[in-house]
N, C-alpha and C. Protein backbone atom coordinates (compact mmCIF):
# COMPACT_ATOMS: atom_id res chain seq x y z
N MET A 1 86.96 76.06 116.67
CA MET A 1 86.61 76.92 117.78
C MET A 1 86.21 78.30 117.23
N ALA A 2 85.15 78.83 117.76
CA ALA A 2 84.69 80.15 117.34
C ALA A 2 85.66 81.22 117.83
N ARG A 3 85.80 82.25 117.04
CA ARG A 3 86.72 83.34 117.37
C ARG A 3 86.00 84.65 117.15
N LEU A 4 86.16 85.57 118.06
CA LEU A 4 85.54 86.88 117.96
C LEU A 4 86.50 87.85 117.29
N SER A 5 86.00 88.63 116.37
CA SER A 5 86.81 89.64 115.69
C SER A 5 86.16 90.99 115.94
N ILE A 6 86.95 91.96 116.39
CA ILE A 6 86.41 93.27 116.75
C ILE A 6 86.86 94.32 115.75
N ARG A 7 85.89 95.06 115.23
CA ARG A 7 86.18 96.25 114.44
C ARG A 7 85.43 97.39 115.09
N ILE A 8 86.13 98.47 115.34
CA ILE A 8 85.53 99.62 116.00
C ILE A 8 85.35 100.72 114.96
N ASP A 9 84.10 101.09 114.74
CA ASP A 9 83.77 102.17 113.81
C ASP A 9 83.64 103.46 114.63
N LEU A 10 84.64 104.32 114.50
CA LEU A 10 84.66 105.56 115.26
C LEU A 10 83.96 106.70 114.53
N ALA A 11 83.98 106.66 113.24
CA ALA A 11 83.33 107.64 112.37
C ALA A 11 83.19 106.96 111.01
N PRO A 12 82.41 107.55 110.09
CA PRO A 12 82.22 106.89 108.80
C PRO A 12 83.53 106.51 108.09
N ASP A 13 84.53 107.34 108.19
CA ASP A 13 85.80 107.05 107.52
C ASP A 13 86.93 106.76 108.50
N ASN A 14 86.59 106.36 109.71
CA ASN A 14 87.62 106.07 110.71
C ASN A 14 87.23 104.82 111.47
N ARG A 15 87.94 103.75 111.17
CA ARG A 15 87.69 102.49 111.86
C ARG A 15 89.02 101.82 112.15
N ILE A 16 89.00 101.00 113.17
CA ILE A 16 90.21 100.25 113.54
C ILE A 16 89.78 98.82 113.81
N GLY A 17 90.57 97.90 113.32
CA GLY A 17 90.26 96.49 113.49
C GLY A 17 91.52 95.67 113.56
N PRO A 18 91.38 94.36 113.50
CA PRO A 18 92.53 93.48 113.69
C PRO A 18 93.65 93.68 112.67
N GLY A 19 93.32 93.98 111.43
CA GLY A 19 94.35 94.15 110.40
C GLY A 19 95.21 95.37 110.64
N LYS A 20 94.59 96.50 110.92
CA LYS A 20 95.35 97.72 111.17
C LYS A 20 96.16 97.61 112.46
N VAL A 21 95.58 96.99 113.48
CA VAL A 21 96.31 96.82 114.73
C VAL A 21 97.51 95.91 114.52
N GLN A 22 97.33 94.85 113.77
CA GLN A 22 98.44 93.95 113.49
C GLN A 22 99.53 94.67 112.70
N LEU A 23 99.15 95.53 111.77
CA LEU A 23 100.13 96.32 111.03
C LEU A 23 100.94 97.20 111.99
N LEU A 24 100.27 97.87 112.91
CA LEU A 24 100.98 98.70 113.89
C LEU A 24 101.92 97.84 114.75
N GLU A 25 101.46 96.68 115.15
CA GLU A 25 102.32 95.78 115.94
C GLU A 25 103.55 95.35 115.14
N MET A 26 103.38 95.11 113.85
CA MET A 26 104.52 94.72 113.02
C MET A 26 105.49 95.88 112.81
N VAL A 27 104.99 97.11 112.71
CA VAL A 27 105.87 98.27 112.64
C VAL A 27 106.70 98.33 113.92
N ALA A 28 106.04 98.15 115.07
CA ALA A 28 106.75 98.17 116.35
C ALA A 28 107.80 97.06 116.41
N GLU A 29 107.46 95.89 115.92
CA GLU A 29 108.37 94.74 115.97
C GLU A 29 109.54 94.87 115.00
N HIS A 30 109.27 95.33 113.78
CA HIS A 30 110.28 95.34 112.73
C HIS A 30 110.97 96.68 112.52
N GLY A 31 110.39 97.75 113.03
CA GLY A 31 111.04 99.05 112.94
C GLY A 31 110.94 99.74 111.60
N SER A 32 110.06 99.27 110.73
CA SER A 32 109.86 99.96 109.45
C SER A 32 108.51 99.56 108.86
N ILE A 33 107.98 100.46 108.05
CA ILE A 33 106.72 100.18 107.37
C ILE A 33 106.91 99.08 106.33
N SER A 34 108.00 99.14 105.60
CA SER A 34 108.21 98.14 104.54
C SER A 34 108.39 96.74 105.14
N ALA A 35 109.15 96.63 106.23
CA ALA A 35 109.34 95.32 106.86
C ALA A 35 108.03 94.81 107.47
N ALA A 36 107.24 95.72 108.03
CA ALA A 36 105.93 95.33 108.57
C ALA A 36 105.05 94.81 107.45
N GLY A 37 105.04 95.51 106.32
CA GLY A 37 104.26 95.06 105.18
C GLY A 37 104.70 93.69 104.70
N ARG A 38 106.00 93.50 104.59
CA ARG A 38 106.52 92.19 104.15
C ARG A 38 106.10 91.09 105.12
N ALA A 39 106.15 91.37 106.42
CA ALA A 39 105.77 90.37 107.42
C ALA A 39 104.31 89.96 107.29
N LEU A 40 103.50 90.88 106.77
CA LEU A 40 102.07 90.62 106.61
C LEU A 40 101.70 90.28 105.17
N ASP A 41 102.71 90.09 104.33
CA ASP A 41 102.50 89.80 102.90
C ASP A 41 101.67 90.91 102.26
N MET A 42 102.08 92.16 102.55
CA MET A 42 101.37 93.34 102.09
C MET A 42 102.39 94.26 101.42
N SER A 43 101.98 94.93 100.38
CA SER A 43 102.89 95.86 99.72
C SER A 43 103.18 97.05 100.63
N TYR A 44 104.33 97.68 100.38
CA TYR A 44 104.67 98.90 101.13
C TYR A 44 103.59 99.94 100.92
N ARG A 45 103.12 100.10 99.69
CA ARG A 45 102.10 101.11 99.39
C ARG A 45 100.83 100.86 100.19
N ARG A 46 100.37 99.63 100.25
CA ARG A 46 99.16 99.29 101.01
C ARG A 46 99.37 99.61 102.49
N ALA A 47 100.51 99.21 103.04
CA ALA A 47 100.80 99.49 104.45
C ALA A 47 100.83 100.99 104.71
N TRP A 48 101.51 101.71 103.83
CA TRP A 48 101.61 103.16 103.98
C TRP A 48 100.24 103.82 103.91
N LEU A 49 99.39 103.39 102.97
CA LEU A 49 98.05 103.95 102.84
C LEU A 49 97.20 103.68 104.08
N LEU A 50 97.32 102.48 104.64
CA LEU A 50 96.57 102.17 105.87
C LEU A 50 97.04 103.05 107.03
N ILE A 51 98.33 103.26 107.13
CA ILE A 51 98.87 104.12 108.19
C ILE A 51 98.42 105.56 107.99
N GLU A 52 98.47 106.03 106.76
CA GLU A 52 98.00 107.39 106.46
C GLU A 52 96.51 107.53 106.78
N ASP A 53 95.75 106.50 106.49
CA ASP A 53 94.33 106.50 106.80
C ASP A 53 94.11 106.64 108.31
N MET A 54 94.89 105.92 109.09
CA MET A 54 94.78 106.03 110.55
C MET A 54 95.20 107.41 111.02
N ASN A 55 96.32 107.92 110.49
CA ASN A 55 96.79 109.26 110.88
C ASN A 55 95.70 110.30 110.63
N LYS A 56 95.08 110.22 109.47
CA LYS A 56 94.03 111.17 109.09
C LYS A 56 92.81 111.00 109.98
N GLY A 57 92.39 109.78 110.18
CA GLY A 57 91.18 109.50 110.96
C GLY A 57 91.30 109.92 112.41
N PHE A 58 92.48 109.72 112.98
CA PHE A 58 92.67 110.06 114.40
C PHE A 58 93.20 111.48 114.59
N GLY A 59 93.60 112.13 113.50
CA GLY A 59 94.08 113.50 113.60
C GLY A 59 95.44 113.63 114.25
N GLN A 60 96.15 112.53 114.35
CA GLN A 60 97.50 112.53 114.90
C GLN A 60 98.22 111.27 114.42
N PRO A 61 99.55 111.32 114.40
CA PRO A 61 100.29 110.18 113.86
C PRO A 61 100.26 108.95 114.76
N VAL A 62 100.12 107.79 114.11
CA VAL A 62 100.19 106.53 114.84
C VAL A 62 101.62 105.97 114.83
N ILE A 63 102.43 106.47 113.89
CA ILE A 63 103.85 106.09 113.87
C ILE A 63 104.69 107.35 113.71
N GLU A 64 105.96 107.22 114.06
CA GLU A 64 106.92 108.32 113.91
C GLU A 64 108.08 107.80 113.09
N ALA A 65 108.61 108.67 112.25
CA ALA A 65 109.81 108.32 111.49
C ALA A 65 111.01 108.37 112.42
N GLN A 66 111.92 107.44 112.21
CA GLN A 66 113.18 107.45 112.93
C GLN A 66 114.25 107.95 111.97
N ILE A 67 115.05 108.87 112.42
CA ILE A 67 116.11 109.42 111.59
C ILE A 67 117.16 108.33 111.36
N GLY A 68 117.61 108.26 110.13
CA GLY A 68 118.55 107.20 109.76
C GLY A 68 119.94 107.41 110.29
N GLY A 69 120.56 106.33 110.59
CA GLY A 69 121.97 106.29 110.96
C GLY A 69 122.67 105.44 109.93
N LYS A 70 123.58 104.60 110.38
CA LYS A 70 124.27 103.68 109.47
C LYS A 70 123.32 102.79 108.70
N ALA A 71 122.30 102.28 109.40
CA ALA A 71 121.38 101.34 108.78
C ALA A 71 120.21 102.02 108.10
N GLY A 72 120.18 103.34 108.13
CA GLY A 72 119.06 104.05 107.51
C GLY A 72 117.97 104.31 108.52
N GLY A 73 116.92 104.95 108.07
CA GLY A 73 115.81 105.32 108.96
C GLY A 73 114.86 104.16 109.17
N GLY A 74 113.77 104.49 109.75
CA GLY A 74 112.77 103.47 110.01
C GLY A 74 111.52 104.12 110.57
N ALA A 75 110.75 103.35 111.28
CA ALA A 75 109.52 103.85 111.87
C ALA A 75 109.29 103.16 113.20
N ARG A 76 108.61 103.87 114.08
CA ARG A 76 108.21 103.28 115.36
C ARG A 76 106.84 103.84 115.71
N LEU A 77 106.16 103.18 116.63
CA LEU A 77 104.87 103.67 117.04
C LEU A 77 105.03 104.97 117.80
N SER A 78 104.13 105.89 117.56
CA SER A 78 104.07 107.10 118.38
C SER A 78 103.47 106.69 119.73
N ALA A 79 103.51 107.58 120.69
CA ALA A 79 102.89 107.29 121.98
C ALA A 79 101.40 107.01 121.77
N PHE A 80 100.76 107.80 120.90
CA PHE A 80 99.35 107.56 120.59
C PHE A 80 99.15 106.19 119.94
N GLY A 81 100.02 105.83 118.99
CA GLY A 81 99.92 104.54 118.32
C GLY A 81 100.05 103.38 119.29
N ALA A 82 100.99 103.49 120.23
CA ALA A 82 101.17 102.44 121.25
C ALA A 82 99.93 102.34 122.14
N ASP A 83 99.37 103.49 122.52
CA ASP A 83 98.14 103.50 123.32
C ASP A 83 96.98 102.89 122.54
N LEU A 84 96.89 103.22 121.27
CA LEU A 84 95.82 102.70 120.42
C LEU A 84 95.88 101.17 120.38
N VAL A 85 97.04 100.62 120.16
CA VAL A 85 97.21 99.16 120.13
C VAL A 85 96.84 98.56 121.49
N ALA A 86 97.35 99.14 122.57
CA ALA A 86 97.09 98.60 123.91
C ALA A 86 95.60 98.65 124.24
N HIS A 87 94.95 99.75 123.92
CA HIS A 87 93.52 99.87 124.23
C HIS A 87 92.68 98.93 123.34
N TYR A 88 93.04 98.82 122.07
CA TYR A 88 92.32 97.90 121.19
C TYR A 88 92.44 96.47 121.72
N ARG A 89 93.65 96.05 122.09
CA ARG A 89 93.85 94.68 122.59
C ARG A 89 93.10 94.47 123.91
N ALA A 90 93.02 95.49 124.76
CA ALA A 90 92.26 95.38 126.01
C ALA A 90 90.77 95.21 125.72
N ILE A 91 90.26 95.98 124.78
CA ILE A 91 88.85 95.85 124.37
C ILE A 91 88.60 94.45 123.82
N GLU A 92 89.52 93.98 123.01
CA GLU A 92 89.41 92.65 122.41
C GLU A 92 89.35 91.57 123.49
N ARG A 93 90.25 91.64 124.47
CA ARG A 93 90.26 90.65 125.56
C ARG A 93 88.96 90.70 126.37
N ALA A 94 88.49 91.90 126.68
CA ALA A 94 87.26 92.04 127.45
C ALA A 94 86.07 91.47 126.67
N ALA A 95 86.01 91.75 125.39
CA ALA A 95 84.92 91.25 124.55
C ALA A 95 84.97 89.73 124.44
N GLU A 96 86.17 89.18 124.31
CA GLU A 96 86.31 87.72 124.23
C GLU A 96 85.83 87.05 125.51
N ARG A 97 86.20 87.62 126.66
CA ARG A 97 85.75 87.06 127.95
C ARG A 97 84.22 87.13 128.04
N ALA A 98 83.65 88.27 127.67
CA ALA A 98 82.20 88.43 127.75
C ALA A 98 81.46 87.52 126.78
N ALA A 99 82.03 87.31 125.62
CA ALA A 99 81.36 86.52 124.58
C ALA A 99 81.58 85.02 124.73
N ALA A 100 82.59 84.59 125.47
CA ALA A 100 82.96 83.17 125.53
C ALA A 100 81.79 82.24 125.83
N PRO A 101 80.98 82.49 126.84
CA PRO A 101 79.89 81.54 127.10
C PRO A 101 78.86 81.48 125.97
N PHE A 102 78.64 82.59 125.30
CA PHE A 102 77.70 82.62 124.19
C PHE A 102 78.27 81.92 122.97
N LEU A 103 79.54 82.16 122.70
CA LEU A 103 80.19 81.48 121.58
C LEU A 103 80.20 79.98 121.79
N ALA A 104 80.43 79.54 123.01
CA ALA A 104 80.44 78.11 123.31
C ALA A 104 79.09 77.47 123.02
N ARG A 105 78.01 78.23 123.21
CA ARG A 105 76.67 77.70 122.97
C ARG A 105 76.29 77.66 121.49
N ILE A 106 76.84 78.60 120.70
CA ILE A 106 76.41 78.64 119.30
C ILE A 106 77.40 78.00 118.33
N ALA A 107 78.64 77.82 118.77
CA ALA A 107 79.66 77.26 117.88
C ALA A 107 79.59 75.74 117.94
N PRO A 108 79.63 75.09 116.79
CA PRO A 108 79.66 73.62 116.81
C PRO A 108 80.93 73.14 117.49
N SER A 109 80.81 72.20 118.36
CA SER A 109 81.99 71.69 119.04
C SER A 109 82.72 70.69 118.16
N ALA A 110 84.02 70.63 118.32
CA ALA A 110 84.86 69.77 117.48
C ALA A 110 84.53 68.29 117.71
N HIS A 111 84.18 67.94 118.95
CA HIS A 111 83.95 66.51 119.24
C HIS A 111 82.57 66.03 118.80
N SER A 112 81.66 66.92 118.42
CA SER A 112 80.33 66.47 117.98
C SER A 112 80.31 66.11 116.50
N LYS A 113 81.40 66.40 115.79
CA LYS A 113 81.47 66.05 114.37
C LYS A 113 81.87 64.59 114.22
N THR A 114 81.22 63.92 113.31
CA THR A 114 81.58 62.49 113.09
C THR A 114 81.97 62.25 111.68
């Protein structure tokens, strides 16, 4: 089945796509950059660099540090980061709905293969 992948180029050095959005979702789910990276089979450094890239590109943080308690600190999405994920996923759903009839026409169907 054909699948649509959306990357939004906002400026020459500022883009957002499925990988960065998934990283933000994993930070939200796991509560830390390192755990998010592990969940995506990505090094902490790579995850951190991608987050820094987003912070720089958008001019505001996509995640916030959580002050440590017994279990130590962590990270969570900032309000902007949560909005970014929600809006990206909404764009993705709208694009998939719009593209579905066209994808159905150009993608080889599974049952036509012999």
